[in-house]
C-alpha atoms as a PDB file:
ATOM      1  CA  MET A   1       0.000   0.000   0.000  1.00  0.00           C
ATOM      2  CA  THR A   2       1.430   3.348  -0.945  1.00  0.00           C
ATOM      3  CA  GLN A   3       1.613   6.440   1.215  1.00  0.00           C
ATOM      4  CA  LEU A   4      -1.129   8.060  -0.884  1.00  0.00           C
ATOM      5  CA  ASP A   5      -3.414   5.081  -0.338  1.00  0.00           C
ATOM      6  CA  ARG A   6      -2.887   5.262   3.416  1.00  0.00           C
ATOM      7  CA  ARG A   7      -3.620   8.977   3.490  1.00  0.00           C
ATOM      8  CA  LEU A   8      -6.738   8.511   1.410  1.00  0.00           C
ATOM      9  CA  LEU A   9      -7.879   5.659   3.627  1.00  0.00           C
ATOM     10  CA  GLU A  10      -7.340   7.756   6.773  1.00  0.00           C
ATOM     11  CA  GLN A  11      -9.178  10.701   5.218  1.00  0.00           C
ATOM     12  CA  LEU A  12     -12.129   8.513   4.257  1.00  0.00           C
ATOM     13  CA  LYS A  13     -12.163   6.958   7.724  1.00  0.00           C
ATOM     14  CA  LYS A  14     -12.310  10.402   9.353  1.00  0.00           C
ATOM     15  CA  GLN A  15     -15.118  11.496   7.019  1.00  0.00           C
ATOM     16  CA  VAL A  16     -17.177   8.399   7.790  1.00  0.00           C
ATOM     17  CA  GLN A  17     -16.641   8.813  11.540  1.00  0.00           C
ATOM     18  CA  ALA A  18     -17.638  12.480  11.360  1.00  0.00           C
ATOM     19  CA  GLU A  19     -20.797  11.635   9.399  1.00  0.00           C
ATOM     20  CA  LEU A  20     -21.723   8.872  11.858  1.00  0.00           C
ATOM     21  CA  ALA A  21     -21.223  11.223  14.806  1.00  0.00           C
ATOM     22  CA  LYS A  22     -23.376  13.871  13.098  1.00  0.00           C
ATOM     23  CA  LYS A  23     -26.181  11.372  12.454  1.00  0.00           C
ATOM     24  CA  GLU A  24     -26.021  10.086  16.028  1.00  0.00           C
ATOM     25  CA  ILE A  25     -26.260  13.633  17.386  1.00  0.00           C
ATOM     26  CA  GLU A  26     -29.289  14.317  15.186  1.00  0.00           C
ATOM     27  CA  CYS A  27     -30.957  11.105  16.344  1.00  0.00           C
ATOM     28  CA  VAL A  28     -30.377  11.760  20.045  1.00  0.00           C
ATOM     29  CA  GLU A  29     -31.559  15.363  19.695  1.00  0.00           C
ATOM     30  CA  TYR A  30     -34.771  14.214  18.005  1.00  0.00           C
ATOM     31  CA  TRP A  31     -35.675  11.676  20.694  1.00  0.00           C
ATOM     32  CA  LEU A  32     -34.663  14.115  23.443  1.00  0.00           C
ATOM     33  CA  GLN A  33     -37.142  16.612  22.011  1.00  0.00           C
ATOM     34  CA  GLU A  34     -39.840  13.945  21.972  1.00  0.00           C
ATOM     35  CA  VAL A  35     -39.210  13.071  25.633  1.00  0.00           C
ATOM     36  CA  HIS A  36     -39.134  16.758  26.532  1.00  0.00           C
ATOM     37  CA  LYS A  37     -42.561  17.249  24.901  1.00  0.00           C
ATOM     38  CA  ILE A  38     -43.962  14.589  27.208  1.00  0.00           C
ATOM     39  CA  TYR A  39     -42.162  16.058  30.213  1.00  0.00           C
ATOM     40  CA  VAL A  40     -43.562  19.581  29.818  1.00  0.00           C
ATOM     41  CA  ARG A  41     -47.187  18.519  29.351  1.00  0.00           C
ATOM     42  CA  LYS A  42     -49.482  18.957  32.325  1.00  0.00           C
ATOM     43  CA  HIS A  43     -50.431  15.373  33.139  1.00  0.00           C
ATOM     44  CA  GLN A  44     -53.203  14.879  35.638  1.00  0.00           C
ATOM     45  CA  THR A  45     -52.425  11.301  36.556  1.00  0.00           C
ATOM     46  CA  LEU A  46     -49.621   8.787  36.461  1.00  0.00           C
ATOM     47  CA  PRO A  47     -51.473   6.576  33.941  1.00  0.00           C
ATOM     48  CA  GLU A  48     -51.551   9.521  31.494  1.00  0.00           C
ATOM     49  CA  ILE A  49     -47.778   9.853  31.662  1.00  0.00           C
ATOM     50  CA  LYS A  50     -47.323   6.119  31.378  1.00  0.00           C
ATOM     51  CA  ALA A  51     -49.575   5.996  28.316  1.00  0.00           C
ATOM     52  CA  GLU A  52     -47.601   8.735  26.572  1.00  0.00           C
ATOM     53  CA  LEU A  53     -44.313   7.056  27.419  1.00  0.00           C
ATOM     54  CA  GLN A  54     -45.666   3.770  26.073  1.00  0.00           C
ATOM     55  CA  GLN A  55     -46.585   5.515  22.807  1.00  0.00           C
ATOM     56  CA  LEU A  56     -43.056   6.898  22.579  1.00  0.00           C
ATOM     57  CA  ILE A  57     -41.595   3.460  23.240  1.00  0.00           C
ATOM     58  CA  GLU A  58     -43.746   1.986  20.464  1.00  0.00           C
ATOM     59  CA  ARG A  59     -42.649   4.712  18.044  1.00  0.00           C
ATOM     60  CA  MET A  60     -39.020   3.988  18.869  1.00  0.00           C
ATOM     61  CA  LYS A  61     -39.532   0.234  18.429  1.00  0.00           C
ATOM     62  CA  ASN A  62     -41.226   0.800  15.080  1.00  0.00           C
ATOM     63  CA  ARG A  63     -38.390   3.023  13.918  1.00  0.00           C
ATOM     64  CA  LEU A  64     -35.801   0.440  14.926  1.00  0.00           C
ATOM     65  CA  GLN A  65     -37.711  -2.272  13.093  1.00  0.00           C
ATOM     66  CA  VAL A  66     -37.862  -0.153   9.924  1.00  0.00           C
ATOM     67  CA  LEU A  67     -34.146   0.583  10.092  1.00  0.00           C
ATOM     68  CA  ARG A  68     -33.287  -3.063  10.673  1.00  0.00           C
ATOM     69  CA  THR A  69     -35.457  -4.387   7.843  1.00  0.00           C
ATOM     70  CA  ARG A  70     -34.420  -1.704   5.362  1.00  0.00           C
ATOM     71  CA  GLY A  71     -30.774  -2.107   6.258  1.00  0.00           C
ATOM     72  CA  LEU A  72     -30.399   1.612   6.890  1.00  0.00           C
END
């Protein structure tokens, strides 16, 4: 492997890692916003909060299933 190949490989590796980090940040920010929406609502009872959290859990499960079956 030549020096140019190694540099190119390192550059590509850094680009991929940066893109993965960016996507992970976007994903965490999205779900944090969703949890925050539930947090700031004025729930009257514990079952109301639990129901909203269960809906969020189901949305997250569905999203994971789509990503796994589509292969990203």
